[in-house]
N, C-alpha and C. Protein backbone atom coordinates (compact mmCIF):
# COMPACT_ATOMS: atom_id res chain seq x y z
N MET A 1 -11.64 -29.24 -16.35
CA MET A 1 -12.56 -28.24 -15.26
C MET A 1 -12.77 -27.00 -15.51
N TYR A 2 -13.49 -26.84 -16.54
CA TYR A 2 -13.81 -25.36 -16.71
C TYR A 2 -15.50 -25.27 -16.89
N LEU A 3 -16.08 -24.21 -16.70
CA LEU A 3 -17.61 -24.22 -17.00
C LEU A 3 -17.41 -23.65 -18.50
N THR A 4 -18.62 -23.92 -19.23
CA THR A 4 -19.00 -23.42 -20.33
C THR A 4 -19.48 -22.23 -20.44
N ASP A 5 -19.43 -21.74 -21.44
CA ASP A 5 -19.88 -20.00 -21.98
C ASP A 5 -21.20 -20.03 -21.05
N ASP A 6 -22.42 -20.87 -21.68
CA ASP A 6 -23.41 -21.19 -21.35
C ASP A 6 -23.79 -21.02 -19.59
N GLU A 7 -22.97 -21.91 -19.03
CA GLU A 7 -22.90 -22.04 -17.70
C GLU A 7 -22.27 -21.07 -17.19
N ARG A 8 -21.31 -20.11 -17.47
CA ARG A 8 -20.77 -18.92 -16.67
C ARG A 8 -21.80 -17.73 -16.79
N GLN A 9 -22.58 -17.52 -18.19
CA GLN A 9 -23.87 -16.87 -18.30
C GLN A 9 -25.21 -17.11 -17.34
N ALA A 10 -25.36 -18.07 -16.99
CA ALA A 10 -26.34 -18.64 -16.53
C ALA A 10 -26.03 -18.35 -14.77
N LEU A 11 -24.95 -18.22 -14.47
CA LEU A 11 -24.35 -17.90 -13.00
C LEU A 11 -24.50 -16.54 -12.93
N LEU A 12 -23.69 -15.79 -13.94
CA LEU A 12 -24.18 -14.27 -13.84
C LEU A 12 -25.64 -13.86 -13.82
N SER A 13 -26.18 -14.54 -14.89
CA SER A 13 -27.65 -13.84 -14.65
C SER A 13 -28.45 -14.18 -13.46
N ALA A 14 -28.11 -15.11 -12.84
CA ALA A 14 -28.94 -15.60 -11.66
C ALA A 14 -28.20 -14.57 -10.78
N SER A 15 -27.11 -14.25 -10.74
CA SER A 15 -26.66 -13.18 -9.78
C SER A 15 -27.12 -11.81 -9.87
N VAL A 16 -27.48 -11.40 -11.08
CA VAL A 16 -28.01 -10.17 -11.27
C VAL A 16 -29.94 -10.14 -11.72
N ASN A 17 -30.31 -11.19 -11.90
CA ASN A 17 -31.54 -11.24 -12.12
C ASN A 17 -32.36 -12.16 -11.56
N ARG A 18 -31.98 -12.94 -10.38
CA ARG A 18 -32.57 -14.00 -9.74
C ARG A 18 -33.68 -14.57 -10.52
N ALA A 19 -33.62 -14.90 -11.64
CA ALA A 19 -34.62 -15.68 -12.26
C ALA A 19 -34.71 -16.99 -12.05
N GLU A 20 -33.56 -17.32 -11.78
CA GLU A 20 -33.67 -19.00 -11.31
C GLU A 20 -32.39 -18.75 -10.38
N SER A 21 -32.81 -19.71 -9.14
CA SER A 21 -31.89 -19.64 -7.82
C SER A 21 -30.60 -20.21 -8.17
N LEU A 22 -29.47 -19.69 -7.48
CA LEU A 22 -28.32 -20.19 -8.12
C LEU A 22 -28.00 -21.59 -7.23
N ASP A 23 -28.73 -22.26 -6.46
CA ASP A 23 -28.60 -23.68 -5.97
C ASP A 23 -29.33 -24.37 -7.25
N GLN A 24 -30.57 -23.93 -7.82
CA GLN A 24 -30.86 -24.68 -9.22
C GLN A 24 -29.75 -24.68 -10.01
N ILE A 25 -29.29 -23.49 -10.52
CA ILE A 25 -28.37 -23.69 -11.55
C ILE A 25 -27.00 -24.36 -10.95
N LEU A 26 -26.56 -24.27 -9.88
CA LEU A 26 -25.33 -25.20 -9.67
C LEU A 26 -25.74 -26.64 -9.58
N LYS A 27 -26.91 -27.32 -9.18
CA LYS A 27 -27.38 -28.45 -9.36
C LYS A 27 -27.05 -29.18 -10.85
N ARG A 28 -28.00 -27.99 -11.65
CA ARG A 28 -28.10 -28.64 -13.07
C ARG A 28 -26.46 -28.35 -13.42
N ILE A 29 -25.58 -27.67 -13.15
CA ILE A 29 -24.36 -27.76 -13.80
C ILE A 29 -23.90 -29.10 -13.11
N ARG A 30 -23.82 -29.13 -11.80
CA ARG A 30 -22.95 -30.75 -11.30
C ARG A 30 -23.74 -31.85 -12.27
N ARG A 31 -24.58 -31.58 -12.47
CA ARG A 31 -25.42 -32.84 -13.50
C ARG A 31 -24.75 -32.78 -14.43
N THR A 32 -24.55 -31.95 -15.23
CA THR A 32 -24.37 -31.92 -16.52
C THR A 32 -23.05 -31.81 -16.78
N ASN A 33 -22.27 -31.19 -16.13
CA ASN A 33 -20.76 -30.91 -16.12
C ASN A 33 -20.13 -31.07 -14.85
N PRO A 34 -20.04 -32.61 -14.16
CA PRO A 34 -19.30 -32.58 -12.97
C PRO A 34 -17.77 -32.48 -12.88
N ASP A 35 -17.10 -32.44 -14.15
CA ASP A 35 -15.63 -32.09 -14.01
C ASP A 35 -15.32 -30.81 -13.78
N ALA A 36 -16.51 -29.75 -13.84
CA ALA A 36 -16.39 -28.40 -13.76
C ALA A 36 -16.00 -28.17 -12.23
N PHE A 37 -16.17 -29.20 -11.24
CA PHE A 37 -16.60 -28.85 -9.85
C PHE A 37 -15.13 -29.77 -9.49
N HIS A 38 -14.38 -29.24 -8.10
CA HIS A 38 -13.38 -30.16 -7.37
C HIS A 38 -13.89 -31.22 -6.62
N THR A 39 -13.03 -32.11 -6.77
CA THR A 39 -13.09 -32.97 -5.67
C THR A 39 -12.36 -33.30 -4.57
N ASP A 40 -12.49 -33.90 -3.25
CA ASP A 40 -11.75 -33.98 -2.36
C ASP A 40 -10.37 -34.71 -2.95
N GLU A 41 -10.16 -35.25 -4.00
CA GLU A 41 -9.03 -35.75 -4.71
C GLU A 41 -8.19 -34.81 -5.52
N THR A 42 -9.00 -33.64 -6.15
CA THR A 42 -8.28 -32.92 -7.05
C THR A 42 -8.03 -31.64 -5.89
N LEU A 43 -8.59 -31.41 -5.08
CA LEU A 43 -8.20 -30.34 -4.12
C LEU A 43 -6.85 -30.86 -3.40
N SER A 44 -6.90 -32.15 -2.85
CA SER A 44 -5.76 -32.26 -2.24
C SER A 44 -4.21 -32.42 -2.88
N SER A 45 -4.52 -32.09 -4.18
CA SER A 45 -2.90 -32.04 -5.06
C SER A 45 -2.87 -30.45 -5.36
N ARG A 46 -3.55 -29.37 -4.72
CA ARG A 46 -3.36 -28.24 -5.36
C ARG A 46 -2.69 -27.29 -4.01
N VAL A 47 -1.92 -26.60 -4.48
CA VAL A 47 -1.23 -25.93 -3.41
C VAL A 47 -2.09 -24.42 -3.45
N PHE A 48 -2.44 -23.41 -2.42
CA PHE A 48 -3.10 -22.27 -2.70
C PHE A 48 -2.32 -21.32 -1.86
N TYR A 49 -2.32 -19.97 -2.42
CA TYR A 49 -1.80 -18.98 -2.05
C TYR A 49 -2.29 -18.68 -0.53
N ASP A 50 -3.52 -18.83 -0.49
CA ASP A 50 -3.92 -18.39 1.12
C ASP A 50 -4.19 -19.55 1.84
N GLU A 51 -4.23 -19.73 2.94
CA GLU A 51 -4.51 -20.67 3.68
C GLU A 51 -6.20 -21.08 3.57
N PRO A 52 -6.55 -22.14 3.32
CA PRO A 52 -7.92 -22.36 3.06
C PRO A 52 -8.72 -21.92 4.41
N MET A 53 -10.02 -21.18 4.28
CA MET A 53 -10.49 -20.83 5.48
C MET A 53 -11.41 -22.35 6.28
N GLY A 54 -11.61 -23.07 5.45
CA GLY A 54 -12.23 -24.23 6.27
C GLY A 54 -11.25 -25.44 6.18
N SER A 55 -12.02 -26.79 6.00
CA SER A 55 -11.07 -27.82 6.14
C SER A 55 -11.04 -28.65 4.78
N GLU A 56 -10.76 -27.77 3.93
CA GLU A 56 -10.99 -28.21 2.69
C GLU A 56 -9.31 -28.86 2.67
N PRO A 57 -9.14 -30.02 2.14
CA PRO A 57 -8.14 -30.70 1.54
C PRO A 57 -7.23 -29.90 0.71
N CYS A 58 -6.00 -29.49 0.79
CA CYS A 58 -4.95 -29.29 0.10
C CYS A 58 -3.57 -29.60 0.16
N ARG A 59 -2.55 -29.48 -0.59
CA ARG A 59 -1.22 -29.81 -0.50
C ARG A 59 -0.30 -28.86 0.17
N GLY A 60 -0.86 -27.63 0.21
CA GLY A 60 -0.14 -26.83 0.86
C GLY A 60 -0.84 -25.25 0.77
N PHE A 61 -0.32 -24.22 1.18
CA PHE A 61 -0.71 -23.07 1.10
C PHE A 61 0.66 -21.96 1.12
N VAL A 62 0.99 -20.97 0.90
CA VAL A 62 1.80 -20.15 0.61
C VAL A 62 1.83 -19.10 2.05
N ARG A 63 0.67 -18.74 2.15
CA ARG A 63 0.38 -17.46 2.99
C ARG A 63 -0.49 -17.88 4.34
N TYR A 64 -0.04 -18.01 5.60
CA TYR A 64 -1.13 -18.46 6.64
C TYR A 64 -2.16 -17.21 6.93
N SER A 65 -3.23 -17.58 7.25
CA SER A 65 -4.12 -16.84 7.48
C SER A 65 -4.15 -16.20 8.97
N HIS A 66 -3.93 -15.18 9.42
CA HIS A 66 -4.13 -14.73 10.60
C HIS A 66 -5.40 -14.32 11.06
N THR A 67 -6.32 -14.77 10.24
CA THR A 67 -7.71 -14.07 10.28
C THR A 67 -8.71 -15.16 10.36
N ARG A 68 -8.30 -16.39 10.78
CA ARG A 68 -8.88 -17.68 10.48
C ARG A 68 -9.92 -17.57 11.66
N LYS A 69 -11.20 -17.94 11.16
CA LYS A 69 -12.13 -18.34 11.86
C LYS A 69 -12.35 -19.37 12.91
N VAL A 70 -12.24 -19.29 14.38
CA VAL A 70 -11.91 -20.44 15.26
C VAL A 70 -13.48 -21.02 15.79
N ARG A 71 -13.63 -21.96 15.77
CA ARG A 71 -15.17 -22.47 16.31
C ARG A 71 -14.58 -22.90 17.40
N LEU A 72 -15.92 -22.42 18.23
CA LEU A 72 -15.76 -22.64 19.76
C LEU A 72 -16.72 -24.00 20.13
N THR A 73 -16.43 -24.81 20.88
CA THR A 73 -17.17 -26.01 21.18
C THR A 73 -17.68 -25.90 22.69
């Protein structure tokens, strides 16, 4: 699950030069290297140091976040 050097460079260039939009680059990388991205299955086996901010699946976390954003309905 790694990005290639070219993929990393494309992301870095997009953040600096804005020649190609970040969304376009991510779509291209997802198409050519889907294993570089986590899935619900791979995330659910991970333990994070900080509690995830959203509803990402995970096996657990070490540190509870006291600054979690709460959704009001």
